[in-house]
Amino acid sequence: MAVIQAGFVRATEDVDLLIEASSDNVARVRRALSSLPDRAALEVRDDDVHQYVVVRVADEIVVDLMKSACGIEYEEASREVEVVTIEGVPIPFARPELLWRMKQTVREKDKLDRLFLAHLLPRPP
């Protein structure tokens, strides 16, 4: 979603959330996501985000929960976001520079995202 917000309109299969992985915060995220119709988030345990690279919540929309993306954790990432208010709700999106760092994978869609970001950034890192 952050790449789309940056201007690269493409289909996406899910929403990736990089979260602070304390048990209290995971519980808050689980409660918030349990408002989705299938309530799939209720199956997430407090330690799942620590135990797995990605915790997929497959509900009406698919949400992937991560404590780290390409070695970047929430605390570091939270300093490199742009907050966009959509329908009265402030939503933090990764800035293009942060997205570049978080897209350093071998996945084909991340390669396409990097091509877009390379043209967007004055000098890609």
Protein backbone atom coordinates (compact mmCIF):
# COMPACT_ATOMS: atom_id res chain seq x y z
CA MET A 1 0.00 0.00 0.00
CA ALA A 2 2.90 2.38 0.68
CA VAL A 3 4.19 1.94 -2.88
CA ILE A 4 0.71 2.74 -4.19
CA GLN A 5 0.60 5.80 -1.90
CA ALA A 6 3.98 6.85 -3.36
CA GLY A 7 2.44 6.84 -6.84
CA PHE A 8 3.02 3.38 -8.35
CA VAL A 9 -0.49 2.15 -9.01
CA ARG A 10 -0.46 -1.62 -9.02
CA ALA A 11 -2.58 -4.47 -7.77
CA THR A 12 -1.77 -5.61 -4.28
CA GLU A 13 -2.73 -8.81 -2.56
CA ASP A 14 -2.43 -7.66 1.03
CA VAL A 15 -1.61 -4.94 3.49
CA ASP A 16 1.78 -5.26 5.18
CA LEU A 17 1.97 -3.90 8.71
CA LEU A 18 5.32 -3.50 10.41
CA ILE A 19 4.41 -3.48 14.08
CA GLU A 20 6.10 -3.06 17.43
CA ALA A 21 6.08 -6.68 18.59
CA SER A 22 5.50 -6.44 22.34
CA SER A 23 2.75 -8.72 23.62
CA ASP A 24 0.63 -5.71 24.59
CA ASN A 25 0.88 -4.18 21.14
CA VAL A 26 0.22 -7.46 19.34
CA ALA A 27 -2.90 -7.81 21.49
CA ARG A 28 -4.01 -4.28 20.47
CA VAL A 29 -3.41 -5.05 16.78
CA ARG A 30 -5.30 -8.33 17.14
CA ARG A 31 -8.28 -6.52 18.74
CA ALA A 32 -8.29 -3.89 16.00
CA LEU A 33 -8.13 -6.47 13.21
CA SER A 34 -10.81 -8.61 14.87
CA SER A 35 -13.32 -6.02 13.68
CA LEU A 36 -12.94 -7.57 10.21
CA PRO A 37 -15.90 -9.83 9.36
CA ASP A 38 -14.29 -13.27 9.69
CA ARG A 39 -12.49 -12.32 12.92
CA ALA A 40 -9.45 -14.27 11.72
CA ALA A 41 -7.15 -12.07 13.84
CA LEU A 42 -8.44 -13.79 16.97
CA GLU A 43 -6.28 -16.78 15.97
CA VAL A 44 -3.08 -14.71 16.28
CA ARG A 45 -1.20 -15.43 19.51
CA ASP A 46 0.84 -12.83 21.37
CA ASP A 47 4.16 -14.52 20.48
CA ASP A 48 3.38 -15.27 16.81
CA VAL A 49 4.99 -12.07 15.54
CA HIS A 50 8.21 -12.99 17.37
CA GLN A 51 8.13 -16.60 16.23
CA TYR A 52 7.38 -16.12 12.52
CA VAL A 53 8.76 -13.80 9.84
CA VAL A 54 5.23 -13.01 8.63
CA VAL A 55 1.92 -13.64 10.39
CA ARG A 56 -0.86 -13.66 7.80
CA VAL A 57 -4.34 -12.64 8.89
CA ALA A 58 -6.57 -13.85 6.05
CA ASP A 59 -9.92 -12.13 6.43
CA GLU A 60 -12.02 -9.97 4.12
CA ILE A 61 -8.69 -8.32 3.41
CA VAL A 62 -5.35 -10.02 3.95
CA VAL A 63 -3.04 -8.36 6.46
CA ASP A 64 0.55 -9.49 6.97
CA LEU A 65 2.03 -8.64 10.37
CA MET A 66 5.81 -8.35 10.69
CA LYS A 67 8.19 -7.25 13.40
CA SER A 68 10.95 -6.71 10.83
CA ALA A 69 11.22 -6.08 7.10
CA CYS A 70 14.67 -6.48 5.55
CA GLY A 71 16.15 -6.06 9.03
CA ILE A 72 14.22 -2.86 9.76
CA GLU A 73 12.08 -2.95 12.90
CA TYR A 74 9.19 -0.72 13.90
CA GLU A 75 11.18 1.71 16.06
CA GLU A 76 13.57 2.57 13.23
CA ALA A 77 10.84 2.63 10.58
CA SER A 78 8.56 4.86 12.67
CA ARG A 79 11.04 7.73 12.19
CA GLU A 80 10.77 7.45 8.38
CA VAL A 81 7.04 7.61 7.73
CA GLU A 82 4.67 10.08 6.21
CA VAL A 83 1.26 10.32 7.87
CA VAL A 84 -1.61 10.63 5.39
CA THR A 85 -5.14 11.26 6.62
CA ILE A 86 -7.70 9.22 4.70
CA GLU A 87 -11.37 9.73 5.55
CA GLY A 88 -10.36 11.28 8.86
CA VAL A 89 -7.98 8.46 9.84
CA PRO A 90 -4.24 9.23 10.08
CA ILE A 91 -2.28 6.40 8.43
CA PRO A 92 1.52 6.16 8.51
CA PHE A 93 3.11 5.12 5.21
CA ALA A 94 6.78 4.35 4.65
CA ARG A 95 8.53 7.15 2.78
CA PRO A 96 10.16 6.20 -0.54
CA GLU A 97 13.66 6.05 1.01
CA LEU A 98 12.44 3.60 3.64
CA LEU A 99 10.50 1.61 1.05
CA TRP A 100 13.71 1.25 -0.97
CA ARG A 101 15.43 -0.31 2.03
CA MET A 102 12.46 -2.58 2.77
CA LYS A 103 12.22 -3.83 -0.83
CA GLN A 104 15.66 -5.45 -1.00
CA THR A 105 14.38 -8.97 -1.63
CA VAL A 106 14.39 -11.40 -4.55
CA ARG A 107 10.61 -11.27 -4.96
CA GLU A 108 9.56 -10.19 -8.46
CA LYS A 109 7.08 -7.59 -7.20
CA ASP A 110 9.78 -6.03 -5.02
CA LYS A 111 12.04 -5.77 -8.09
CA LEU A 112 9.26 -3.88 -9.90
CA ASP A 113 8.76 -1.64 -6.88
CA ARG A 114 12.50 -0.87 -6.81
CA LEU A 115 12.40 0.12 -10.50
CA PHE A 116 9.63 2.60 -9.68
CA LEU A 117 11.41 3.87 -6.57
CA ALA A 118 14.70 4.31 -8.47
CA HIS A 119 12.96 6.83 -10.74
CA LEU A 120 11.25 8.51 -7.80
CA LEU A 121 14.31 8.96 -5.61
CA PRO A 122 16.92 11.58 -6.56
CA ARG A 123 19.70 9.07 -5.83
CA PRO A 124 18.66 5.58 -4.76
CA PRO A 125 20.76 4.37 -1.82
